[in-house]
Structures are given as C-alpha cells and as structure tokens.
C-alpha cells in the first residue's frame, strides 16, 4: 500500500508542477529536457544508459542467486 501511495504522490506532484509551469509561463519538464539535450547531445544516451542499467539491475534476475525470493 505504501508503494501505491508513493506512486500516486509522485504523479500528483508532477502534474501540479507541470500545471504551475504552464500557468506561469515557465519551462515545463519536456522543454527543459529538450533544451538540455540540445546543449549537451550526450544527455539522451547517458540518461538511457542509467535507466537501462537500473532496468537490468531490477528486472533481469541476476540478484536472485544472492537473495532468492521466498
């Protein structure tokens, strides 16, 4: 239940932040990522490597030999 509450809180916080940015004329998250990628072309691949590394770490199952699921 705590994970569900945390995910809902993250979604609501993101939505509130994006709404605030749009209403005040500030940069949204997507515009910030686009600007960052334009200035630093390596940002996209580096971000992909980090997310891919986390996905492999969490979902590939290599950790099960050390800590089997009961």
N, C-alpha and C. Protein backbone atom coordinates (compact mmCIF):
# COMPACT_ATOMS: atom_id res chain seq x y z
N UNK A 1 0.82 -1.20 0.00
CA UNK A 1 0.00 0.00 0.00
C UNK A 1 0.86 1.26 0.00
N UNK A 2 1.99 1.20 0.70
CA UNK A 2 2.85 2.37 0.77
C UNK A 2 3.41 2.74 -0.61
N UNK A 3 3.70 1.72 -1.44
CA UNK A 3 4.21 1.99 -2.79
C UNK A 3 3.15 2.65 -3.65
N UNK A 4 1.91 2.20 -3.51
CA UNK A 4 0.81 2.82 -4.27
C UNK A 4 0.65 4.28 -3.89
N UNK A 5 0.68 4.56 -2.60
CA UNK A 5 0.55 5.95 -2.13
C UNK A 5 1.72 6.79 -2.65
N UNK A 6 2.92 6.22 -2.62
CA UNK A 6 4.09 6.96 -3.08
C UNK A 6 3.98 7.27 -4.58
N UNK A 7 3.57 6.28 -5.38
CA UNK A 7 3.44 6.50 -6.83
C UNK A 7 2.37 7.55 -7.13
N UNK A 8 1.24 7.49 -6.43
CA UNK A 8 0.19 8.49 -6.62
C UNK A 8 0.72 9.87 -6.23
N UNK A 9 1.47 9.97 -5.15
CA UNK A 9 2.04 11.25 -4.73
C UNK A 9 3.01 11.79 -5.78
N UNK A 10 3.82 10.92 -6.38
CA UNK A 10 4.75 11.35 -7.43
C UNK A 10 3.98 11.87 -8.63
N UNK A 11 2.95 11.16 -9.05
CA UNK A 11 2.14 11.58 -10.19
C UNK A 11 1.47 12.92 -9.92
N UNK A 12 0.88 13.07 -8.74
CA UNK A 12 0.21 14.33 -8.40
C UNK A 12 1.20 15.49 -8.30
N UNK A 13 2.37 15.23 -7.75
CA UNK A 13 3.40 16.28 -7.68
C UNK A 13 3.85 16.69 -9.07
N UNK A 14 4.06 15.73 -9.96
CA UNK A 14 4.45 16.03 -11.33
C UNK A 14 3.37 16.85 -12.03
N UNK A 15 2.11 16.42 -11.88
CA UNK A 15 1.00 17.14 -12.52
C UNK A 15 0.88 18.56 -11.98
N UNK A 16 1.05 18.74 -10.69
CA UNK A 16 0.97 20.08 -10.09
C UNK A 16 2.11 20.95 -10.61
N UNK A 17 3.31 20.39 -10.68
CA UNK A 17 4.45 21.16 -11.18
C UNK A 17 4.30 21.56 -12.63
N UNK A 18 3.83 20.65 -13.47
CA UNK A 18 3.62 20.96 -14.88
C UNK A 18 2.52 22.02 -15.05
N UNK A 19 1.45 21.89 -14.28
CA UNK A 19 0.36 22.87 -14.35
C UNK A 19 0.86 24.24 -13.93
N UNK A 20 1.63 24.30 -12.87
CA UNK A 20 2.18 25.57 -12.40
C UNK A 20 3.09 26.18 -13.46
N UNK A 21 3.93 25.37 -14.09
CA UNK A 21 4.83 25.88 -15.13
C UNK A 21 4.05 26.44 -16.32
N UNK A 22 3.02 25.74 -16.73
CA UNK A 22 2.22 26.19 -17.87
C UNK A 22 1.49 27.48 -17.54
N UNK A 23 0.91 27.57 -16.35
CA UNK A 23 0.15 28.77 -15.97
C UNK A 23 1.04 29.99 -15.76
N UNK A 24 2.27 29.78 -15.30
CA UNK A 24 3.16 30.92 -15.05
C UNK A 24 4.10 31.21 -16.21
N UNK A 25 4.03 30.39 -17.26
CA UNK A 25 4.87 30.64 -18.42
C UNK A 25 6.31 30.16 -18.26
N UNK A 26 6.56 29.31 -17.31
CA UNK A 26 7.90 28.77 -17.10
C UNK A 26 8.11 27.53 -17.97
N UNK A 27 9.35 27.06 -18.00
CA UNK A 27 9.66 25.87 -18.80
C UNK A 27 9.09 24.62 -18.15
N UNK A 28 8.44 23.79 -18.96
CA UNK A 28 7.95 22.50 -18.47
C UNK A 28 9.10 21.50 -18.46
N UNK A 29 8.86 20.32 -17.92
CA UNK A 29 9.90 19.30 -17.87
C UNK A 29 10.33 18.88 -19.27
N UNK A 30 9.38 18.71 -20.17
CA UNK A 30 9.74 18.29 -21.53
C UNK A 30 10.56 19.36 -22.24
N UNK A 31 10.25 20.63 -22.04
CA UNK A 31 11.03 21.71 -22.65
C UNK A 31 12.43 21.76 -22.04
N UNK A 32 12.53 21.53 -20.75
CA UNK A 32 13.83 21.52 -20.09
C UNK A 32 14.70 20.39 -20.61
N UNK A 33 14.13 19.20 -20.77
CA UNK A 33 14.88 18.06 -21.30
C UNK A 33 15.30 18.34 -22.75
N UNK A 34 14.42 18.93 -23.53
CA UNK A 34 14.76 19.26 -24.92
C UNK A 34 15.92 20.25 -24.96
N UNK A 35 15.85 21.30 -24.14
CA UNK A 35 16.90 22.30 -24.10
C UNK A 35 18.23 21.68 -23.65
N UNK A 36 18.16 20.84 -22.63
CA UNK A 36 19.36 20.18 -22.13
C UNK A 36 19.97 19.27 -23.20
N UNK A 37 19.11 18.55 -23.93
CA UNK A 37 19.60 17.67 -25.00
C UNK A 37 20.19 18.46 -26.16
N UNK A 38 19.65 19.64 -26.40
CA UNK A 38 20.19 20.49 -27.47
C UNK A 38 21.58 20.99 -27.10
N UNK A 39 21.76 21.40 -25.85
CA UNK A 39 23.05 21.93 -25.40
C UNK A 39 24.08 20.82 -25.15
N UNK A 40 23.63 19.67 -24.66
CA UNK A 40 24.52 18.55 -24.34
C UNK A 40 23.96 17.30 -25.02
N UNK A 41 24.35 17.04 -26.27
CA UNK A 41 23.80 15.90 -27.02
C UNK A 41 24.01 14.55 -26.34
N UNK A 42 24.97 14.43 -25.46
CA UNK A 42 25.23 13.18 -24.77
C UNK A 42 24.22 12.91 -23.66
N UNK A 43 23.39 13.88 -23.32
CA UNK A 43 22.44 13.71 -22.22
C UNK A 43 21.47 12.56 -22.48
N UNK A 44 20.91 12.49 -23.68
CA UNK A 44 19.94 11.43 -24.01
C UNK A 44 20.52 10.03 -23.88
N UNK A 45 21.65 9.76 -24.55
CA UNK A 45 22.25 8.43 -24.39
C UNK A 45 22.67 8.13 -22.96
N UNK A 46 23.20 9.12 -22.25
CA UNK A 46 23.62 8.90 -20.87
C UNK A 46 22.40 8.57 -19.99
N UNK A 47 21.32 9.31 -20.19
CA UNK A 47 20.09 9.05 -19.44
C UNK A 47 19.57 7.64 -19.76
N UNK A 48 19.64 7.25 -21.03
CA UNK A 48 19.22 5.91 -21.44
C UNK A 48 20.07 4.82 -20.80
N UNK A 49 21.37 5.06 -20.70
CA UNK A 49 22.25 4.09 -20.05
C UNK A 49 21.90 3.93 -18.57
N UNK A 50 21.62 5.04 -17.91
CA UNK A 50 21.27 4.97 -16.48
C UNK A 50 19.96 4.22 -16.29
N UNK A 51 18.94 4.58 -17.05
CA UNK A 51 17.64 3.90 -16.93
C UNK A 51 17.76 2.43 -17.34
N UNK A 52 18.51 2.15 -18.40
CA UNK A 52 18.71 0.77 -18.83
C UNK A 52 19.47 -0.03 -17.78
N UNK A 53 20.47 0.57 -17.17
CA UNK A 53 21.21 -0.10 -16.12
C UNK A 53 20.33 -0.43 -14.93
N UNK A 54 19.47 0.50 -14.57
CA UNK A 54 18.54 0.23 -13.47
C UNK A 54 17.55 -0.86 -13.84
N UNK A 55 17.07 -0.85 -15.08
CA UNK A 55 16.13 -1.88 -15.52
C UNK A 55 16.78 -3.26 -15.47
N UNK A 56 18.02 -3.35 -15.93
CA UNK A 56 18.74 -4.63 -15.90
C UNK A 56 18.96 -5.05 -14.44
N UNK A 57 19.34 -4.11 -13.61
CA UNK A 57 19.59 -4.43 -12.20
C UNK A 57 18.33 -4.96 -11.51
N UNK A 58 17.20 -4.31 -11.77
CA UNK A 58 15.97 -4.68 -11.07
C UNK A 58 15.24 -5.87 -11.69
N UNK A 59 15.26 -5.99 -13.03
CA UNK A 59 14.35 -6.93 -13.67
C UNK A 59 15.02 -8.12 -14.37
N UNK A 60 16.33 -8.14 -14.48
CA UNK A 60 16.97 -9.23 -15.19
C UNK A 60 17.00 -10.50 -14.35
N UNK A 61 17.06 -10.37 -13.06
CA UNK A 61 17.04 -11.52 -12.18
C UNK A 61 18.40 -11.97 -11.72
N UNK A 62 19.42 -11.21 -11.99
CA UNK A 62 20.76 -11.60 -11.58
C UNK A 62 20.97 -11.61 -10.08
N UNK A 63 20.15 -10.87 -9.37
CA UNK A 63 20.31 -10.79 -7.93
C UNK A 63 19.71 -12.00 -7.22
N UNK A 64 18.88 -12.78 -7.90
CA UNK A 64 18.19 -13.89 -7.24
C UNK A 64 19.13 -14.96 -6.72
N UNK A 65 20.30 -15.10 -7.31
CA UNK A 65 21.24 -16.10 -6.81
C UNK A 65 21.79 -15.69 -5.44
N UNK A 66 21.77 -14.41 -5.12
CA UNK A 66 22.24 -13.93 -3.83
C UNK A 66 21.12 -13.82 -2.81
N UNK A 67 19.95 -13.46 -3.26
CA UNK A 67 18.81 -13.25 -2.36
C UNK A 67 17.57 -13.85 -2.99
N UNK A 68 17.42 -15.18 -2.91
CA UNK A 68 16.26 -15.82 -3.56
C UNK A 68 14.94 -15.34 -2.97
N UNK A 69 13.95 -15.19 -3.83
CA UNK A 69 12.62 -14.79 -3.42
C UNK A 69 11.95 -15.97 -2.75
N UNK A 70 11.35 -15.75 -1.59
CA UNK A 70 10.71 -16.84 -0.86
C UNK A 70 9.22 -16.81 -1.06
